[in-house]
């Protein structure tokens, strides 16, 4: 998540059983519990912290992570790590992407373990 963007919003959904809280992280809606409850607010805070610390990716158990997801997360890390003093990314980022192409062409959808 960039510094300029707002964090995903704590939201409310009304249903037959009352209101429940959710947050949309990427393409996924994460339900947090009863709306405005202490539990849902804590889950929201935790979900945002995990989302931000993982570079805007949802937490996935290691046994469900694929090679393409692992490479995407590594490239996100590289974009923040290989940075010049003026904030521009270095050529190392493109070198990493180039190096990953053969791996992705063969094993993109394979699980990482």
PDB file of N, CA and C in Angstrom:
ATOM      1  N   UNK A   1       0.852  -1.163   0.000  1.00  0.00           N
ATOM      2  CA  UNK A   1       0.000   0.000   0.000  1.00  0.00           C
ATOM      3  C   UNK A   1       0.900   1.228   0.000  1.00  0.00           C
ATOM      4  N   UNK A   2       0.633   2.152  -0.888  1.00  0.00           N
ATOM      5  CA  UNK A   2       1.464   3.344  -0.952  1.00  0.00           C
ATOM      6  C   UNK A   2       1.119   4.296   0.183  1.00  0.00           C
ATOM      7  N   UNK A   3       2.031   5.214   0.449  1.00  0.00           N
ATOM      8  CA  UNK A   3       1.832   6.162   1.539  1.00  0.00           C
ATOM      9  C   UNK A   3       0.656   7.100   1.276  1.00  0.00           C
ATOM     10  N   UNK A   4       0.376   7.385   0.000  1.00  0.00           N
ATOM     11  CA  UNK A   4      -0.676   8.330  -0.345  1.00  0.00           C
ATOM     12  C   UNK A   4      -2.066   7.709  -0.250  1.00  0.00           C
ATOM     13  N   UNK A   5      -2.191   6.413  -0.356  1.00  0.00           N
ATOM     14  CA  UNK A   5      -3.513   5.792  -0.379  1.00  0.00           C
ATOM     15  C   UNK A   5      -4.068   5.613   1.027  1.00  0.00           C
ATOM     16  N   UNK A   6      -5.382   5.601   1.094  1.00  0.00           N
ATOM     17  CA  UNK A   6      -6.063   5.412   2.370  1.00  0.00           C
ATOM     18  C   UNK A   6      -6.120   3.923   2.687  1.00  0.00           C
ATOM     19  N   UNK A   7      -6.124   3.566   3.963  1.00  0.00           N
ATOM     20  CA  UNK A   7      -6.268   2.150   4.306  1.00  0.00           C
ATOM     21  C   UNK A   7      -7.666   1.662   3.954  1.00  0.00           C
ATOM     22  N   UNK A   8      -7.834   0.379   3.680  1.00  0.00           N
ATOM     23  CA  UNK A   8      -9.165  -0.159   3.413  1.00  0.00           C
ATOM     24  C   UNK A   8     -10.102   0.148   4.585  1.00  0.00           C
ATOM     25  N   UNK A   9     -11.336   0.453   4.270  1.00  0.00           N
ATOM     26  CA  UNK A   9     -12.304   0.940   5.243  1.00  0.00           C
ATOM     27  C   UNK A   9     -13.027  -0.176   5.983  1.00  0.00           C
ATOM     28  N   UNK A  10     -13.249   0.038   7.271  1.00  0.00           N
ATOM     29  CA  UNK A  10     -14.102  -0.802   8.104  1.00  0.00           C
ATOM     30  C   UNK A  10     -15.535  -0.527   7.645  1.00  0.00           C
ATOM     31  N   UNK A  11     -16.254  -1.588   7.229  1.00  0.00           N
ATOM     32  CA  UNK A  11     -17.572  -1.369   6.634  1.00  0.00           C
ATOM     33  C   UNK A  11     -18.644  -2.236   7.278  1.00  0.00           C
ATOM     34  N   UNK A  12     -19.882  -1.927   6.937  1.00  0.00           N
ATOM     35  CA  UNK A  12     -21.043  -2.579   7.548  1.00  0.00           C
ATOM     36  C   UNK A  12     -21.914  -3.218   6.465  1.00  0.00           C
ATOM     37  N   UNK A  13     -22.359  -4.451   6.746  1.00  0.00           N
ATOM     38  CA  UNK A  13     -23.283  -5.144   5.854  1.00  0.00           C
ATOM     39  C   UNK A  13     -24.492  -5.575   6.678  1.00  0.00           C
ATOM     40  N   UNK A  14     -25.680  -5.199   6.210  1.00  0.00           N
ATOM     41  CA  UNK A  14     -26.911  -5.555   6.897  1.00  0.00           C
ATOM     42  C   UNK A  14     -27.455  -6.846   6.300  1.00  0.00           C
ATOM     43  N   UNK A  15     -27.807  -7.778   7.171  1.00  0.00           N
ATOM     44  CA  UNK A  15     -28.384  -9.042   6.732  1.00  0.00           C
ATOM     45  C   UNK A  15     -29.540  -9.440   7.626  1.00  0.00           C
ATOM     46  N   UNK A  16     -30.073 -10.625   7.386  1.00  0.00           N
ATOM     47  CA  UNK A  16     -31.203 -11.109   8.193  1.00  0.00           C
ATOM     48  C   UNK A  16     -30.856 -11.245   9.663  1.00  0.00           C
ATOM     49  N   UNK A  17     -29.607 -11.558   9.946  1.00  0.00           N
ATOM     50  CA  UNK A  17     -29.170 -11.774  11.327  1.00  0.00           C
ATOM     51  C   UNK A  17     -28.521 -10.536  11.946  1.00  0.00           C
ATOM     52  N   UNK A  18     -28.757  -9.376  11.374  1.00  0.00           N
ATOM     53  CA  UNK A  18     -28.174  -8.152  11.914  1.00  0.00           C
ATOM     54  C   UNK A  18     -27.032  -7.643  11.059  1.00  0.00           C
ATOM     55  N   UNK A  19     -26.295  -6.707  11.606  1.00  0.00           N
ATOM     56  CA  UNK A  19     -25.193  -6.072  10.876  1.00  0.00           C
ATOM     57  C   UNK A  19     -23.879  -6.770  11.209  1.00  0.00           C
ATOM     58  N   UNK A  20     -23.068  -6.953  10.176  1.00  0.00           N
ATOM     59  CA  UNK A  20     -21.729  -7.503  10.403  1.00  0.00           C
ATOM     60  C   UNK A  20     -20.707  -6.613   9.712  1.00  0.00           C
ATOM     61  N   UNK A  21     -19.519  -6.650  10.257  1.00  0.00           N
ATOM     62  CA  UNK A  21     -18.425  -5.811   9.761  1.00  0.00           C
ATOM     63  C   UNK A  21     -17.594  -6.582   8.740  1.00  0.00           C
ATOM     64  N   UNK A  22     -17.038  -5.840   7.787  1.00  0.00           N
ATOM     65  CA  UNK A  22     -16.123  -6.437   6.819  1.00  0.00           C
ATOM     66  C   UNK A  22     -15.144  -5.387   6.325  1.00  0.00           C
ATOM     67  N   UNK A  23     -14.091  -5.857   5.684  1.00  0.00           N
ATOM     68  CA  UNK A  23     -13.118  -4.991   5.020  1.00  0.00           C
ATOM     69  C   UNK A  23     -12.758  -5.673   3.707  1.00  0.00           C
ATOM     70  N   UNK A  24     -12.575  -4.892   2.661  1.00  0.00           N
ATOM     71  CA  UNK A  24     -12.168  -5.453   1.376  1.00  0.00           C
ATOM     72  C   UNK A  24     -10.677  -5.244   1.195  1.00  0.00           C
ATOM     73  N   UNK A  25      -9.960  -6.348   1.104  1.00  0.00           N
ATOM     74  CA  UNK A  25      -8.503  -6.340   0.925  1.00  0.00           C
ATOM     75  C   UNK A  25      -8.206  -6.937  -0.438  1.00  0.00           C
ATOM     76  N   UNK A  26      -7.787  -6.100  -1.348  1.00  0.00           N
ATOM     77  CA  UNK A  26      -7.581  -6.570  -2.710  1.00  0.00           C
ATOM     78  C   UNK A  26      -8.920  -6.952  -3.307  1.00  0.00           C
ATOM     79  N   UNK A  27      -9.004  -8.154  -3.808  1.00  0.00           N
ATOM     80  CA  UNK A  27     -10.227  -8.653  -4.424  1.00  0.00           C
ATOM     81  C   UNK A  27     -11.079  -9.457  -3.443  1.00  0.00           C
ATOM     82  N   UNK A  28     -10.668  -9.518  -2.196  1.00  0.00           N
ATOM     83  CA  UNK A  28     -11.337 -10.400  -1.231  1.00  0.00           C
ATOM     84  C   UNK A  28     -12.005  -9.616  -0.114  1.00  0.00           C
ATOM     85  N   UNK A  29     -13.216 -10.035   0.230  1.00  0.00           N
ATOM     86  CA  UNK A  29     -13.952  -9.446   1.351  1.00  0.00           C
ATOM     87  C   UNK A  29     -13.698 -10.313   2.578  1.00  0.00           C
ATOM     88  N   UNK A  30     -13.213  -9.680   3.641  1.00  0.00           N
ATOM     89  CA  UNK A  30     -12.900 -10.383   4.885  1.00  0.00           C
ATOM     90  C   UNK A  30     -13.928  -9.964   5.937  1.00  0.00           C
ATOM     91  N   UNK A  31     -14.701 -10.943   6.435  1.00  0.00           N
ATOM     92  CA  UNK A  31     -15.702 -10.653   7.455  1.00  0.00           C
ATOM     93  C   UNK A  31     -15.046 -10.669   8.830  1.00  0.00           C
ATOM     94  N   UNK A  32     -15.471  -9.723   9.677  1.00  0.00           N
ATOM     95  CA  UNK A  32     -14.783  -9.466  10.936  1.00  0.00           C
ATOM     96  C   UNK A  32     -15.600  -9.798  12.177  1.00  0.00           C
ATOM     97  N   UNK A  33     -16.893  -9.985  12.024  1.00  0.00           N
ATOM     98  CA  UNK A  33     -17.762 -10.253  13.167  1.00  0.00           C
ATOM     99  C   UNK A  33     -18.871  -9.236  13.246  1.00  0.00           C
ATOM    100  N   UNK A  34     -19.609  -9.221  14.352  1.00  0.00           N
ATOM    101  CA  UNK A  34     -20.708  -8.271  14.504  1.00  0.00           C
ATOM    102  C   UNK A  34     -20.202  -6.829  14.379  1.00  0.00           C
ATOM    103  N   UNK A  35     -20.967  -6.024  13.634  1.00  0.00           N
ATOM    104  CA  UNK A  35     -20.558  -4.641  13.360  1.00  0.00           C
ATOM    105  C   UNK A  35     -20.397  -3.844  14.650  1.00  0.00           C
ATOM    106  N   UNK A  36     -19.318  -3.102  14.718  1.00  0.00           N
ATOM    107  CA  UNK A  36     -18.975  -2.205  15.813  1.00  0.00           C
ATOM    108  C   UNK A  36     -18.695  -2.911  17.141  1.00  0.00           C
ATOM    109  N   UNK A  37     -18.474  -4.219  17.092  1.00  0.00           N
ATOM    110  CA  UNK A  37     -18.110  -4.942  18.310  1.00  0.00           C
ATOM    111  C   UNK A  37     -16.610  -4.810  18.550  1.00  0.00           C
ATOM    112  N   UNK A  38     -16.205  -5.012  19.774  1.00  0.00           N
ATOM    113  CA  UNK A  38     -14.779  -4.962  20.122  1.00  0.00           C
ATOM    114  C   UNK A  38     -14.010  -6.006  19.310  1.00  0.00           C
ATOM    115  N   UNK A  39     -14.579  -7.202  19.192  1.00  0.00           N
ATOM    116  CA  UNK A  39     -13.951  -8.292  18.442  1.00  0.00           C
ATOM    117  C   UNK A  39     -13.730  -7.899  16.979  1.00  0.00           C
ATOM    118  N   UNK A  40     -14.739  -7.301  16.336  1.00  0.00           N
ATOM    119  CA  UNK A  40     -14.595  -6.941  14.925  1.00  0.00           C
ATOM    120  C   UNK A  40     -13.575  -5.813  14.735  1.00  0.00           C
ATOM    121  N   UNK A  41     -13.514  -4.881  15.675  1.00  0.00           N
ATOM    122  CA  UNK A  41     -12.529  -3.790  15.593  1.00  0.00           C
ATOM    123  C   UNK A  41     -11.103  -4.340  15.747  1.00  0.00           C
ATOM    124  N   UNK A  42     -10.932  -5.308  16.648  1.00  0.00           N
ATOM    125  CA  UNK A  42      -9.613  -5.933  16.829  1.00  0.00           C
ATOM    126  C   UNK A  42      -9.216  -6.714  15.576  1.00  0.00           C
ATOM    127  N   UNK A  43     -10.163  -7.450  15.002  1.00  0.00           N
ATOM    128  CA  UNK A  43      -9.871  -8.207  13.778  1.00  0.00           C
ATOM    129  C   UNK A  43      -9.532  -7.266  12.618  1.00  0.00           C
ATOM    130  N   UNK A  44     -10.225  -6.135  12.553  1.00  0.00           N
ATOM    131  CA  UNK A  44      -9.944  -5.143  11.516  1.00  0.00           C
ATOM    132  C   UNK A  44      -8.517  -4.612  11.652  1.00  0.00           C
ATOM    133  N   UNK A  45      -8.145  -4.245  12.855  1.00  0.00           N
ATOM    134  CA  UNK A  45      -6.796  -3.736  13.108  1.00  0.00           C
ATOM    135  C   UNK A  45      -5.743  -4.780  12.743  1.00  0.00           C
ATOM    136  N   UNK A  46      -5.989  -6.024  13.135  1.00  0.00           N
ATOM    137  CA  UNK A  46      -5.057  -7.107  12.833  1.00  0.00           C
ATOM    138  C   UNK A  46      -4.972  -7.368  11.320  1.00  0.00           C
ATOM    139  N   UNK A  47      -6.127  -7.377  10.639  1.00  0.00           N
ATOM    140  CA  UNK A  47      -6.151  -7.612   9.189  1.00  0.00           C
ATOM    141  C   UNK A  47      -5.380  -6.517   8.455  1.00  0.00           C
ATOM    142  N   UNK A  48      -5.572  -5.261   8.872  1.00  0.00           N
ATOM    143  CA  UNK A  48      -4.837  -4.159   8.237  1.00  0.00           C
ATOM    144  C   UNK A  48      -3.340  -4.273   8.469  1.00  0.00           C
ATOM    145  N   UNK A  49      -2.956  -4.629   9.679  1.00  0.00           N
ATOM    146  CA  UNK A  49      -1.526  -4.768   9.990  1.00  0.00           C
ATOM    147  C   UNK A  49      -0.894  -5.865   9.140  1.00  0.00           C
ATOM    148  N   UNK A  50      -1.577  -6.992   9.013  1.00  0.00           N
ATOM    149  CA  UNK A  50      -1.063  -8.094   8.184  1.00  0.00           C
ATOM    150  C   UNK A  50      -1.003  -7.679   6.722  1.00  0.00           C
ATOM    151  N   UNK A  51      -2.040  -6.996   6.260  1.00  0.00           N
ATOM    152  CA  UNK A  51      -2.126  -6.536   4.874  1.00  0.00           C
ATOM    153  C   UNK A  51      -0.971  -5.584   4.553  1.00  0.00           C
ATOM    154  N   UNK A  52      -0.749  -4.616   5.417  1.00  0.00           N
ATOM    155  CA  UNK A  52       0.298  -3.630   5.182  1.00  0.00           C
ATOM    156  C   UNK A  52       1.691  -4.238   5.311  1.00  0.00           C
ATOM    157  N   UNK A  53       1.893  -5.122   6.295  1.00  0.00           N
ATOM    158  CA  UNK A  53       3.222  -5.702   6.496  1.00  0.00           C
ATOM    159  C   UNK A  53       3.603  -6.681   5.398  1.00  0.00           C
ATOM    160  N   UNK A  54       2.614  -7.197   4.679  1.00  0.00           N
ATOM    161  CA  UNK A  54       2.912  -8.138   3.599  1.00  0.00           C
ATOM    162  C   UNK A  54       2.877  -7.462   2.231  1.00  0.00           C
ATOM    163  N   UNK A  55       2.943  -6.146   2.216  1.00  0.00           N
ATOM    164  CA  UNK A  55       2.989  -5.430   0.944  1.00  0.00           C
ATOM    165  C   UNK A  55       1.672  -5.423   0.193  1.00  0.00           C
ATOM    166  N   UNK A  56       0.573  -5.505   0.900  1.00  0.00           N
ATOM    167  CA  UNK A  56      -0.743  -5.478   0.260  1.00  0.00           C
ATOM    168  C   UNK A  56      -1.203  -6.820  -0.256  1.00  0.00           C
ATOM    169  N   UNK A  57      -0.729  -7.877   0.377  1.00  0.00           N
ATOM    170  CA  UNK A  57      -1.155  -9.234   0.023  1.00  0.00           C
ATOM    171  C   UNK A  57      -1.883  -9.836   1.210  1.00  0.00           C
ATOM    172  N   UNK A  58      -2.824 -10.708   0.914  1.00  0.00           N
ATOM    173  CA  UNK A  58      -3.513 -11.403   1.986  1.00  0.00           C
ATOM    174  C   UNK A  58      -2.638 -12.510   2.531  1.00  0.00           C
ATOM    175  N   UNK A  59      -2.740 -12.732   3.826  1.00  0.00           N
ATOM    176  CA  UNK A  59      -1.999 -13.825   4.444  1.00  0.00           C
ATOM    177  C   UNK A  59      -2.521 -15.150   3.904  1.00  0.00           C
ATOM    178  N   UNK A  60      -1.615 -16.003   3.487  1.00  0.00           N
ATOM    179  CA  UNK A  60      -1.963 -17.319   2.965  1.00  0.00           C
ATOM    180  C   UNK A  60      -1.105 -18.332   3.703  1.00  0.00           C
ATOM    181  N   UNK A  61      -1.694 -19.428   4.192  1.00  0.00           N
ATOM    182  CA  UNK A  61      -0.864 -20.452   4.820  1.00  0.00           C
ATOM    183  C   UNK A  61       0.218 -20.927   3.843  1.00  0.00           C
ATOM    184  N   UNK A  62       1.403 -21.181   4.349  1.00  0.00           N
ATOM    185  CA  UNK A  62       2.539 -21.554   3.499  1.00  0.00           C
ATOM    186  C   UNK A  62       2.223 -22.739   2.598  1.00  0.00           C
ATOM    187  N   UNK A  63       1.406 -23.678   3.064  1.00  0.00           N
ATOM    188  CA  UNK A  63       1.106 -24.850   2.241  1.00  0.00           C
ATOM    189  C   UNK A  63       0.134 -24.537   1.108  1.00  0.00           C
ATOM    190  N   UNK A  64      -0.416 -23.314   1.052  1.00  0.00           N
ATOM    191  CA  UNK A  64      -1.317 -22.913  -0.030  1.00  0.00           C
ATOM    192  C   UNK A  64      -0.697 -21.875  -0.957  1.00  0.00           C
ATOM    193  N   UNK A  65       0.496 -21.418  -0.649  1.00  0.00           N
ATOM    194  CA  UNK A  65       1.164 -20.392  -1.442  1.00  0.00           C
ATOM    195  C   UNK A  65       1.730 -21.025  -2.717  1.00  0.00           C
ATOM    196  N   UNK A  66       1.493 -20.384  -3.864  1.00  0.00           N
ATOM    197  CA  UNK A  66       2.054 -20.879  -5.117  1.00  0.00           C
ATOM    198  C   UNK A  66       3.333 -20.112  -5.446  1.00  0.00           C
ATOM    199  N   UNK A  67       4.090 -20.642  -6.397  1.00  0.00           N
ATOM    200  CA  UNK A  67       5.348 -20.007  -6.803  1.00  0.00           C
ATOM    201  C   UNK A  67       5.088 -18.601  -7.340  1.00  0.00           C
ATOM    202  N   UNK A  68       4.040 -18.410  -8.135  1.00  0.00           N
ATOM    203  CA  UNK A  68       3.766 -17.082  -8.687  1.00  0.00           C
ATOM    204  C   UNK A  68       3.442 -16.082  -7.571  1.00  0.00           C
ATOM    205  N   UNK A  69       2.730 -16.510  -6.528  1.00  0.00           N
ATOM    206  CA  UNK A  69       2.449 -15.614  -5.399  1.00  0.00           C
ATOM    207  C   UNK A  69       3.717 -15.291  -4.624  1.00  0.00           C
ATOM    208  N   UNK A  70       4.570 -16.286  -4.439  1.00  0.00           N
ATOM    209  CA  UNK A  70       5.834 -16.067  -3.745  1.00  0.00           C
ATOM    210  C   UNK A  70       6.717 -15.085  -4.509  1.00  0.00           C
ATOM    211  N   UNK A  71       6.805 -15.252  -5.820  1.00  0.00           N
ATOM    212  CA  UNK A  71       7.615 -14.356  -6.646  1.00  0.00           C
ATOM    213  C   UNK A  71       7.034 -12.940  -6.614  1.00  0.00           C
ATOM    214  N   UNK A  72       5.709 -12.810  -6.672  1.00  0.00           N
ATOM    215  CA  UNK A  72       5.079 -11.478  -6.622  1.00  0.00           C
ATOM    216  C   UNK A  72       5.413 -10.779  -5.312  1.00  0.00           C
ATOM    217  N   UNK A  73       5.376 -11.510  -4.224  1.00  0.00           N
ATOM    218  CA  UNK A  73       5.700 -10.917  -2.925  1.00  0.00           C
ATOM    219  C   UNK A  73       7.175 -10.541  -2.847  1.00  0.00           C
ATOM    220  N   UNK A  74       8.033 -11.382  -3.419  1.00  0.00           N
ATOM    221  CA  UNK A  74       9.454 -11.062  -3.421  1.00  0.00           C
ATOM    222  C   UNK A  74       9.733  -9.814  -4.260  1.00  0.00           C
ATOM    223  N   UNK A  75       9.059  -9.693  -5.406  1.00  0.00           N
ATOM    224  CA  UNK A  75       9.247  -8.504  -6.246  1.00  0.00           C
ATOM    225  C   UNK A  75       8.758  -7.247  -5.535  1.00  0.00           C
ATOM    226  N   UNK A  76       7.667  -7.346  -4.784  1.00  0.00           N
ATOM    227  CA  UNK A  76       7.188  -6.212  -3.994  1.00  0.00           C
ATOM    228  C   UNK A  76       8.230  -5.821  -2.958  1.00  0.00           C
ATOM    229  N   UNK A  77       8.816  -6.821  -2.308  1.00  0.00           N
ATOM    230  CA  UNK A  77       9.887  -6.554  -1.349  1.00  0.00           C
ATOM    231  C   UNK A  77      11.053  -5.836  -2.031  1.00  0.00           C
ATOM    232  N   UNK A  78      11.459  -6.335  -3.203  1.00  0.00           N
ATOM    233  CA  UNK A  78      12.595  -5.750  -3.923  1.00  0.00           C
ATOM    234  C   UNK A  78      12.346  -4.290  -4.286  1.00  0.00           C
ATOM    235  N   UNK A  79      11.096  -3.959  -4.650  1.00  0.00           N
ATOM    236  CA  UNK A  79      10.765  -2.581  -5.008  1.00  0.00           C
ATOM    237  C   UNK A  79      10.926  -1.626  -3.825  1.00  0.00           C
ATOM    238  N   UNK A  80      10.808  -2.131  -2.627  1.00  0.00           N
ATOM    239  CA  UNK A  80      11.018  -1.302  -1.453  1.00  0.00           C
ATOM    240  C   UNK A  80      12.440  -1.350  -0.915  1.00  0.00           C
ATOM    241  N   UNK A  81      13.171  -2.413  -1.257  1.00  0.00           N
ATOM    242  CA  UNK A  81      14.517  -2.606  -0.721  1.00  0.00           C
ATOM    243  C   UNK A  81      15.587  -1.991  -1.624  1.00  0.00           C
ATOM    244  N   UNK A  82      15.467  -2.234  -2.935  1.00  0.00           N
ATOM    245  CA  UNK A  82      16.464  -1.729  -3.881  1.00  0.00           C
ATOM    246  C   UNK A  82      16.034  -0.351  -4.374  1.00  0.00           C
ATOM    247  N   UNK A  83      16.304   0.659  -3.552  1.00  0.00           N
ATOM    248  CA  UNK A  83      15.865   2.026  -3.824  1.00  0.00           C
ATOM    249  C   UNK A  83      17.059   2.968  -3.697  1.00  0.00           C
ATOM    250  N   UNK A  84      17.161   3.892  -4.640  1.00  0.00           N
ATOM    251  CA  UNK A  84      18.200   4.927  -4.589  1.00  0.00           C
ATOM    252  C   UNK A  84      17.823   5.976  -3.555  1.00  0.00           C
ATOM    253  N   UNK A  85      18.764   6.847  -3.245  1.00  0.00           N
ATOM    254  CA  UNK A  85      18.532   7.894  -2.241  1.00  0.00           C
ATOM    255  C   UNK A  85      17.375   8.812  -2.622  1.00  0.00           C
ATOM    256  N   UNK A  86      17.131   8.992  -3.933  1.00  0.00           N
ATOM    257  CA  UNK A  86      16.041   9.881  -4.376  1.00  0.00           C
ATOM    258  C   UNK A  86      14.687   9.163  -4.451  1.00  0.00           C
ATOM    259  N   UNK A  87      14.644   7.876  -4.064  1.00  0.00           N
ATOM    260  CA  UNK A  87      13.379   7.144  -4.026  1.00  0.00           C
ATOM    261  C   UNK A  87      13.087   6.292  -5.244  1.00  0.00           C
ATOM    262  N   UNK A  88      13.892   6.415  -6.294  1.00  0.00           N
ATOM    263  CA  UNK A  88      13.672   5.591  -7.488  1.00  0.00           C
ATOM    264  C   UNK A  88      14.243   4.191  -7.261  1.00  0.00           C
ATOM    265  N   UNK A  89      13.575   3.182  -7.864  1.00  0.00           N
ATOM    266  CA  UNK A  89      14.081   1.820  -7.729  1.00  0.00           C
ATOM    267  C   UNK A  89      15.323   1.652  -8.590  1.00  0.00           C
ATOM    268  N   UNK A  90      16.208   0.752  -8.159  1.00  0.00           N
ATOM    269  CA  UNK A  90      17.438   0.511  -8.906  1.00  0.00           C
ATOM    270  C   UNK A  90      17.196  -0.507 -10.009  1.00  0.00           C
ATOM    271  N   UNK A  91      18.188  -0.711 -10.837  1.00  0.00           N
ATOM    272  CA  UNK A  91      18.102  -1.684 -11.927  1.00  0.00           C
ATOM    273  C   UNK A  91      18.017  -3.119 -11.396  1.00  0.00           C
ATOM    274  N   UNK A  92      18.360  -3.303 -10.151  1.00  0.00           N
ATOM    275  CA  UNK A  92      18.320  -4.633  -9.551  1.00  0.00           C
ATOM    276  C   UNK A  92      16.913  -5.228  -9.594  1.00  0.00           C
ATOM    277  N   UNK A  93      15.899  -4.399  -9.478  1.00  0.00           N
ATOM    278  CA  UNK A  93      14.513  -4.878  -9.493  1.00  0.00           C
ATOM    279  C   UNK A  93      14.200  -5.549 -10.824  1.00  0.00           C
ATOM    280  N   UNK A  94      14.569  -4.913 -11.928  1.00  0.00           N
ATOM    281  CA  UNK A  94      14.332  -5.524 -13.237  1.00  0.00           C
ATOM    282  C   UNK A  94      15.175  -6.782 -13.418  1.00  0.00           C
ATOM    283  N   UNK A  95      16.367  -6.808 -12.861  1.00  0.00           N
ATOM    284  CA  UNK A  95      17.208  -8.014 -12.921  1.00  0.00           C
ATOM    285  C   UNK A  95      16.531  -9.176 -12.200  1.00  0.00           C
ATOM    286  N   UNK A  96      15.927  -8.907 -11.058  1.00  0.00           N
ATOM    287  CA  UNK A  96      15.213  -9.953 -10.314  1.00  0.00           C
ATOM    288  C   UNK A  96      14.043 -10.466 -11.140  1.00  0.00           C
ATOM    289  N   UNK A  97      13.270  -9.554 -11.720  1.00  0.00           N
ATOM    290  CA  UNK A  97      12.121  -9.973 -12.548  1.00  0.00           C
ATOM    291  C   UNK A  97      12.574 -10.838 -13.719  1.00  0.00           C
ATOM    292  N   UNK A  98      13.645 -10.428 -14.369  1.00  0.00           N
ATOM    293  CA  UNK A  98      14.174 -11.194 -15.500  1.00  0.00           C
ATOM    294  C   UNK A  98      14.619 -12.585 -15.054  1.00  0.00           C
ATOM    295  N   UNK A  99      15.265 -12.649 -13.915  1.00  0.00           N
ATOM    296  CA  UNK A  99      15.740 -13.933 -13.399  1.00  0.00           C
ATOM    297  C   UNK A  99      14.591 -14.865 -13.031  1.00  0.00           C
ATOM    298  N   UNK A 100      13.448 -14.315 -12.686  1.00  0.00           N
ATOM    299  CA  UNK A 100      12.302 -15.119 -12.261  1.00  0.00           C
ATOM    300  C   UNK A 100      11.503 -15.700 -13.428  1.00  0.00           C
ATOM    301  N   UNK A 101      11.671 -15.171 -14.624  1.00  0.00           N
ATOM    302  CA  UNK A 101      10.864 -15.621 -15.771  1.00  0.00           C
ATOM    303  C   UNK A 101      10.951 -17.122 -16.041  1.00  0.00           C
ATOM    304  N   UNK A 102      12.141 -17.735 -16.093  1.00  0.00           N
ATOM    305  CA  UNK A 102      12.177 -19.187 -16.329  1.00  0.00           C
ATOM    306  C   UNK A 102      11.465 -19.977 -15.223  1.00  0.00           C
ATOM    307  N   UNK A 103      11.639 -19.556 -13.989  1.00  0.00           N
ATOM    308  CA  UNK A 103      10.964 -20.217 -12.873  1.00  0.00           C
ATOM    309  C   UNK A 103       9.452 -20.151 -13.056  1.00  0.00           C
ATOM    310  N   UNK A 104       8.941 -18.978 -13.385  1.00  0.00           N
ATOM    311  CA  UNK A 104       7.505 -18.807 -13.555  1.00  0.00           C
ATOM    312  C   UNK A 104       6.967 -19.559 -14.759  1.00  0.00           C
ATOM    313  N   UNK A 105       7.735 -19.595 -15.836  1.00  0.00           N
ATOM    314  CA  UNK A 105       7.244 -20.297 -17.032  1.00  0.00           C
ATOM    315  C   UNK A 105       7.095 -21.798 -16.786  1.00  0.00           C
ATOM    316  N   UNK A 106       7.868 -22.340 -15.865  1.00  0.00           N
ATOM    317  CA  UNK A 106       7.791 -23.784 -15.578  1.00  0.00           C
ATOM    318  C   UNK A 106       6.941 -24.139 -14.378  1.00  0.00           C
ATOM    319  N   UNK A 107       6.956 -23.295 -13.348  1.00  0.00           N
ATOM    320  CA  UNK A 107       6.371 -23.706 -12.065  1.00  0.00           C
ATOM    321  C   UNK A 107       5.384 -22.703 -11.451  1.00  0.00           C
ATOM    322  N   UNK A 108       4.861 -21.770 -12.213  1.00  0.00           N
ATOM    323  CA  UNK A 108       4.041 -20.687 -11.658  1.00  0.00           C
ATOM    324  C   UNK A 108       2.921 -21.167 -10.740  1.00  0.00           C
ATOM    325  N   UNK A 109       2.166 -22.161 -11.128  1.00  0.00           N
ATOM    326  CA  UNK A 109       1.006 -22.605 -10.349  1.00  0.00           C
ATOM    327  C   UNK A 109       1.304 -23.744  -9.399  1.00  0.00           C
ATOM    328  N   UNK A 110       2.560 -24.135  -9.286  1.00  0.00           N
ATOM    329  CA  UNK A 110       2.942 -25.198  -8.342  1.00  0.00           C
ATOM    330  C   UNK A 110       2.952 -24.646  -6.926  1.00  0.00           C
ATOM    331  N   UNK A 111       2.622 -25.483  -5.974  1.00  0.00           N
ATOM    332  CA  UNK A 111       2.665 -25.010  -4.584  1.00  0.00           C
ATOM    333  C   UNK A 111       4.105 -24.827  -4.125  1.00  0.00           C
ATOM    334  N   UNK A 112       4.302 -23.864  -3.254  1.00  0.00           N
ATOM    335  CA  UNK A 112       5.604 -23.649  -2.646  1.00  0.00           C
ATOM    336  C   UNK A 112       5.585 -24.350  -1.303  1.00  0.00           C
ATOM    337  N   UNK A 113       6.622 -25.114  -1.016  1.00  0.00           N
ATOM    338  CA  UNK A 113       6.697 -25.748   0.317  1.00  0.00           C
ATOM    339  C   UNK A 113       8.079 -25.667   0.879  1.00  0.00           C
TER     340      UNK A 113
END
